[in-house]
PDB file of N, CA and C in Angstrom:
ATOM      1  N   LYS A   1       0.821  -1.201   0.000  1.00  0.00           N
ATOM      2  CA  LYS A   1       0.000   0.000   0.000  1.00  0.00           C
ATOM      3  C   LYS A   1       0.861   1.259   0.000  1.00  0.00           C
ATOM      4  N   PHE A   2       1.976   1.244   0.704  1.00  0.00           N
ATOM      5  CA  PHE A   2       2.804   2.440   0.800  1.00  0.00           C
ATOM      6  C   PHE A   2       3.997   2.425  -0.148  1.00  0.00           C
ATOM      7  N   GLN A   3       4.162   1.339  -0.901  1.00  0.00           N
ATOM      8  CA  GLN A   3       5.290   1.271  -1.824  1.00  0.00           C
ATOM      9  C   GLN A   3       5.051   2.174  -3.028  1.00  0.00           C
ATOM     10  N   HIS A   4       6.163   2.687  -3.577  1.00  0.00           N
ATOM     11  CA  HIS A   4       6.151   3.489  -4.801  1.00  0.00           C
ATOM     12  C   HIS A   4       5.403   4.811  -4.641  1.00  0.00           C
ATOM     13  N   GLN A   5       5.388   5.355  -3.438  1.00  0.00           N
ATOM     14  CA  GLN A   5       4.748   6.644  -3.197  1.00  0.00           C
ATOM     15  C   GLN A   5       5.736   7.685  -2.686  1.00  0.00           C
ATOM     16  N   GLY A   6       7.018   7.324  -2.595  1.00  0.00           N
ATOM     17  CA  GLY A   6       8.031   8.289  -2.185  1.00  0.00           C
ATOM     18  C   GLY A   6       8.312   8.335  -0.695  1.00  0.00           C
ATOM     19  N   PHE A   7       7.651   7.505   0.092  1.00  0.00           N
ATOM     20  CA  PHE A   7       7.872   7.541   1.539  1.00  0.00           C
ATOM     21  C   PHE A   7       9.280   7.088   1.915  1.00  0.00           C
ATOM     22  N   GLY A   8       9.790   6.067   1.228  1.00  0.00           N
ATOM     23  CA  GLY A   8      11.150   5.596   1.495  1.00  0.00           C
ATOM     24  C   GLY A   8      12.177   6.674   1.223  1.00  0.00           C
ATOM     25  N   MET A   9      11.999   7.402   0.134  1.00  0.00           N
ATOM     26  CA  MET A   9      12.911   8.487  -0.216  1.00  0.00           C
ATOM     27  C   MET A   9      12.878   9.577   0.858  1.00  0.00           C
ATOM     28  N   LEU A  10      11.693   9.925   1.317  1.00  0.00           N
ATOM     29  CA  LEU A  10      11.580  10.935   2.377  1.00  0.00           C
ATOM     30  C   LEU A  10      12.274  10.471   3.654  1.00  0.00           C
ATOM     31  N   LEU A  11      12.107   9.212   4.013  1.00  0.00           N
ATOM     32  CA  LEU A  11      12.759   8.679   5.209  1.00  0.00           C
ATOM     33  C   LEU A  11      14.273   8.701   5.068  1.00  0.00           C
ATOM     34  N   MET A  12      14.774   8.323   3.888  1.00  0.00           N
ATOM     35  CA  MET A  12      16.225   8.325   3.671  1.00  0.00           C
ATOM     36  C   MET A  12      16.780   9.745   3.689  1.00  0.00           C
ATOM     37  N   GLU A  13      16.073  10.690   3.092  1.00  0.00           N
ATOM     38  CA  GLU A  13      16.521  12.085   3.117  1.00  0.00           C
ATOM     39  C   GLU A  13      16.605  12.596   4.550  1.00  0.00           C
ATOM     40  N   GLU A  14      15.629  12.248   5.368  1.00  0.00           N
ATOM     41  CA  GLU A  14      15.640  12.689   6.763  1.00  0.00           C
ATOM     42  C   GLU A  14      16.756  12.003   7.543  1.00  0.00           C
ATOM     43  N   ALA A  15      16.977  10.713   7.299  1.00  0.00           N
ATOM     44  CA  ALA A  15      18.077  10.003   7.966  1.00  0.00           C
ATOM     45  C   ALA A  15      19.416  10.634   7.599  1.00  0.00           C
ATOM     46  N   GLU A  16      19.585  10.991   6.329  1.00  0.00           N
ATOM     47  CA  GLU A  16      20.821  11.637   5.890  1.00  0.00           C
ATOM     48  C   GLU A  16      20.983  13.012   6.535  1.00  0.00           C
ATOM     49  N   ARG A  17      19.892  13.763   6.621  1.00  0.00           N
ATOM     50  CA  ARG A  17      19.943  15.088   7.254  1.00  0.00           C
ATOM     51  C   ARG A  17      20.336  14.967   8.720  1.00  0.00           C
ATOM     52  N   ILE A  18      19.731  14.041   9.438  1.00  0.00           N
ATOM     53  CA  ILE A  18      20.041  13.842  10.856  1.00  0.00           C
ATOM     54  C   ILE A  18      21.499  13.437  11.020  1.00  0.00           C
ATOM     55  N   ALA A  19      21.959  12.502  10.196  1.00  0.00           N
ATOM     56  CA  ALA A  19      23.353  12.051  10.289  1.00  0.00           C
ATOM     57  C   ALA A  19      24.311  13.216  10.066  1.00  0.00           C
ATOM     58  N   ARG A  20      24.019  14.043   9.069  1.00  0.00           N
ATOM     59  CA  ARG A  20      24.895  15.158   8.709  1.00  0.00           C
ATOM     60  C   ARG A  20      24.802  16.305   9.715  1.00  0.00           C
ATOM     61  N   GLU A  21      23.588  16.794   9.963  1.00  0.00           N
ATOM     62  CA  GLU A  21      23.399  18.014  10.747  1.00  0.00           C
ATOM     63  C   GLU A  21      23.438  17.797  12.254  1.00  0.00           C
ATOM     64  N   GLU A  22      22.886  16.704  12.725  1.00  0.00           N
ATOM     65  CA  GLU A  22      22.796  16.502  14.165  1.00  0.00           C
ATOM     66  C   GLU A  22      23.939  15.662  14.725  1.00  0.00           C
ATOM     67  N   HIS A  23      24.594  14.895  13.859  1.00  0.00           N
ATOM     68  CA  HIS A  23      25.680  14.036  14.333  1.00  0.00           C
ATOM     69  C   HIS A  23      27.017  14.352  13.679  1.00  0.00           C
ATOM     70  N   GLY A  24      27.038  15.263  12.725  1.00  0.00           N
ATOM     71  CA  GLY A  24      28.277  15.653  12.067  1.00  0.00           C
ATOM     72  C   GLY A  24      28.911  14.554  11.236  1.00  0.00           C
ATOM     73  N   SER A  25      28.110  13.607  10.785  1.00  0.00           N
ATOM     74  CA  SER A  25      28.644  12.483  10.004  1.00  0.00           C
ATOM     75  C   SER A  25      28.972  12.912   8.580  1.00  0.00           C
ATOM     76  N   SER A  26      30.017  12.320   8.029  1.00  0.00           N
ATOM     77  CA  SER A  26      30.381  12.591   6.639  1.00  0.00           C
ATOM     78  C   SER A  26      29.989  11.431   5.728  1.00  0.00           C
ATOM     79  N   LYS A  27      29.466  10.355   6.330  1.00  0.00           N
ATOM     80  CA  LYS A  27      29.096   9.165   5.566  1.00  0.00           C
ATOM     81  C   LYS A  27      27.956   8.462   6.292  1.00  0.00           C
ATOM     82  N   ILE A  28      27.072   7.859   5.526  1.00  0.00           N
ATOM     83  CA  ILE A  28      25.998   7.061   6.107  1.00  0.00           C
ATOM     84  C   ILE A  28      26.047   5.686   5.449  1.00  0.00           C
ATOM     85  N   ALA A  29      25.777   4.642   6.217  1.00  0.00           N
ATOM     86  CA  ALA A  29      25.777   3.276   5.694  1.00  0.00           C
ATOM     87  C   ALA A  29      24.534   2.555   6.189  1.00  0.00           C
ATOM     88  N   VAL A  30      23.980   1.720   5.323  1.00  0.00           N
ATOM     89  CA  VAL A  30      22.804   0.926   5.679  1.00  0.00           C
ATOM     90  C   VAL A  30      23.078  -0.532   5.341  1.00  0.00           C
ATOM     91  N   ILE A  31      22.485  -1.426   6.109  1.00  0.00           N
ATOM     92  CA  ILE A  31      22.527  -2.847   5.772  1.00  0.00           C
ATOM     93  C   ILE A  31      21.435  -3.063   4.733  1.00  0.00           C
ATOM     94  N   SER A  32      21.807  -3.643   3.614  1.00  0.00           N
ATOM     95  CA  SER A  32      20.880  -3.753   2.497  1.00  0.00           C
ATOM     96  C   SER A  32      20.820  -5.179   1.987  1.00  0.00           C
ATOM     97  N   GLY A  33      19.618  -5.696   1.866  1.00  0.00           N
ATOM     98  CA  GLY A  33      19.455  -6.995   1.227  1.00  0.00           C
ATOM     99  C   GLY A  33      19.716  -6.879  -0.267  1.00  0.00           C
ATOM    100  N   VAL A  34      20.061  -7.979  -0.891  1.00  0.00           N
ATOM    101  CA  VAL A  34      20.377  -7.972  -2.320  1.00  0.00           C
ATOM    102  C   VAL A  34      19.234  -7.353  -3.126  1.00  0.00           C
ATOM    103  N   GLY A  35      18.007  -7.606  -2.754  1.00  0.00           N
ATOM    104  CA  GLY A  35      16.856  -7.105  -3.503  1.00  0.00           C
ATOM    105  C   GLY A  35      16.637  -5.610  -3.420  1.00  0.00           C
ATOM    106  N   THR A  36      17.268  -4.935  -2.481  1.00  0.00           N
ATOM    107  CA  THR A  36      17.075  -3.482  -2.352  1.00  0.00           C
ATOM    108  C   THR A  36      18.283  -2.677  -2.808  1.00  0.00           C
ATOM    109  N   ARG A  37      19.330  -3.337  -3.235  1.00  0.00           N
ATOM    110  CA  ARG A  37      20.559  -2.615  -3.605  1.00  0.00           C
ATOM    111  C   ARG A  37      20.358  -1.674  -4.778  1.00  0.00           C
ATOM    112  N   ASN A  38      19.565  -2.065  -5.757  1.00  0.00           N
ATOM    113  CA  ASN A  38      19.330  -1.162  -6.889  1.00  0.00           C
ATOM    114  C   ASN A  38      18.620   0.109  -6.447  1.00  0.00           C
ATOM    115  N   TYR A  39      17.703  -0.006  -5.497  1.00  0.00           N
ATOM    116  CA  TYR A  39      17.034   1.185  -4.965  1.00  0.00           C
ATOM    117  C   TYR A  39      18.061   2.130  -4.344  1.00  0.00           C
ATOM    118  N   TYR A  40      18.929   1.592  -3.500  1.00  0.00           N
ATOM    119  CA  TYR A  40      19.935   2.437  -2.863  1.00  0.00           C
ATOM    120  C   TYR A  40      20.894   3.030  -3.887  1.00  0.00           C
ATOM    121  N   ARG A  41      21.246   2.271  -4.914  1.00  0.00           N
ATOM    122  CA  ARG A  41      22.111   2.814  -5.977  1.00  0.00           C
ATOM    123  C   ARG A  41      21.440   4.009  -6.650  1.00  0.00           C
ATOM    124  N   LYS A  42      20.137   3.915  -6.889  1.00  0.00           N
ATOM    125  CA  LYS A  42      19.406   5.006  -7.541  1.00  0.00           C
ATOM    126  C   LYS A  42      19.456   6.290  -6.732  1.00  0.00           C
ATOM    127  N   ILE A  43      19.584   6.184  -5.414  1.00  0.00           N
ATOM    128  CA  ILE A  43      19.605   7.392  -4.585  1.00  0.00           C
ATOM    129  C   ILE A  43      21.012   7.729  -4.102  1.00  0.00           C
ATOM    130  N   GLY A  44      22.017   7.190  -4.808  1.00  0.00           N
ATOM    131  CA  GLY A  44      23.388   7.631  -4.589  1.00  0.00           C
ATOM    132  C   GLY A  44      24.260   6.784  -3.690  1.00  0.00           C
ATOM    133  N   TYR A  45      23.785   5.624  -3.284  1.00  0.00           N
ATOM    134  CA  TYR A  45      24.578   4.747  -2.421  1.00  0.00           C
ATOM    135  C   TYR A  45      25.430   3.816  -3.266  1.00  0.00           C
ATOM    136  N   GLU A  46      26.556   3.372  -2.693  1.00  0.00           N
ATOM    137  CA  GLU A  46      27.449   2.431  -3.364  1.00  0.00           C
ATOM    138  C   GLU A  46      27.690   1.238  -2.455  1.00  0.00           C
ATOM    139  N   LEU A  47      27.929   0.089  -3.067  1.00  0.00           N
ATOM    140  CA  LEU A  47      28.231  -1.114  -2.297  1.00  0.00           C
ATOM    141  C   LEU A  47      29.552  -0.914  -1.568  1.00  0.00           C
ATOM    142  N   ASP A  48      29.541  -1.189  -0.270  1.00  0.00           N
ATOM    143  CA  ASP A  48      30.696  -0.945   0.603  1.00  0.00           C
ATOM    144  C   ASP A  48      30.792  -2.129   1.562  1.00  0.00           C
ATOM    145  N   GLY A  49      31.381  -3.233   1.091  1.00  0.00           N
ATOM    146  CA  GLY A  49      31.394  -4.454   1.897  1.00  0.00           C
ATOM    147  C   GLY A  49      29.973  -4.968   2.028  1.00  0.00           C
ATOM    148  N   PRO A  50      29.527  -5.264   3.246  1.00  0.00           N
ATOM    149  CA  PRO A  50      28.158  -5.757   3.425  1.00  0.00           C
ATOM    150  C   PRO A  50      27.117  -4.634   3.464  1.00  0.00           C
ATOM    151  N   TYR A  51      27.546  -3.395   3.311  1.00  0.00           N
ATOM    152  CA  TYR A  51      26.666  -2.233   3.433  1.00  0.00           C
ATOM    153  C   TYR A  51      26.493  -1.528   2.095  1.00  0.00           C
ATOM    154  N   MET A  52      25.531  -0.628   2.054  1.00  0.00           N
ATOM    155  CA  MET A  52      25.426   0.369   1.000  1.00  0.00           C
ATOM    156  C   MET A  52      25.718   1.685   1.712  1.00  0.00           C
ATOM    157  N   SER A  53      26.636   2.477   1.176  1.00  0.00           N
ATOM    158  CA  SER A  53      27.009   3.712   1.862  1.00  0.00           C
ATOM    159  C   SER A  53      26.986   4.890   0.904  1.00  0.00           C
ATOM    160  N   LYS A  54      26.929   6.086   1.500  1.00  0.00           N
ATOM    161  CA  LYS A  54      26.846   7.326   0.728  1.00  0.00           C
ATOM    162  C   LYS A  54      27.607   8.413   1.469  1.00  0.00           C
ATOM    163  N   SER A  55      28.388   9.168   0.724  1.00  0.00           N
ATOM    164  CA  SER A  55      29.079  10.318   1.304  1.00  0.00           C
ATOM    165  C   SER A  55      28.066  11.426   1.550  1.00  0.00           C
ATOM    166  N   LEU A  56      28.203  12.115   2.663  1.00  0.00           N
ATOM    167  CA  LEU A  56      27.292  13.206   3.007  1.00  0.00           C
ATOM    168  C   LEU A  56      27.950  14.574   2.851  1.00  0.00           C
ATOM    169  N   VAL A  57      29.154  14.605   2.305  1.00  0.00           N
ATOM    170  CA  VAL A  57      29.856  15.892   2.119  1.00  0.00           C
ATOM    171  C   VAL A  57      29.815  16.319   0.673  1.00  0.00           C
TER     172      VAL A  57
END
């Protein structure tokens, strides 16, 4: 019901904002199942060992 409506993107944008602004992080990493890796790639994440990660700088 909630898939493909942009809610995941909004959640990821907020997680990135919190990591950057409230925690001073320069990188964020998520544990990603094989089936979701293409989604994370579309929003700028790269495979980083067992994680998908993205630079926040």
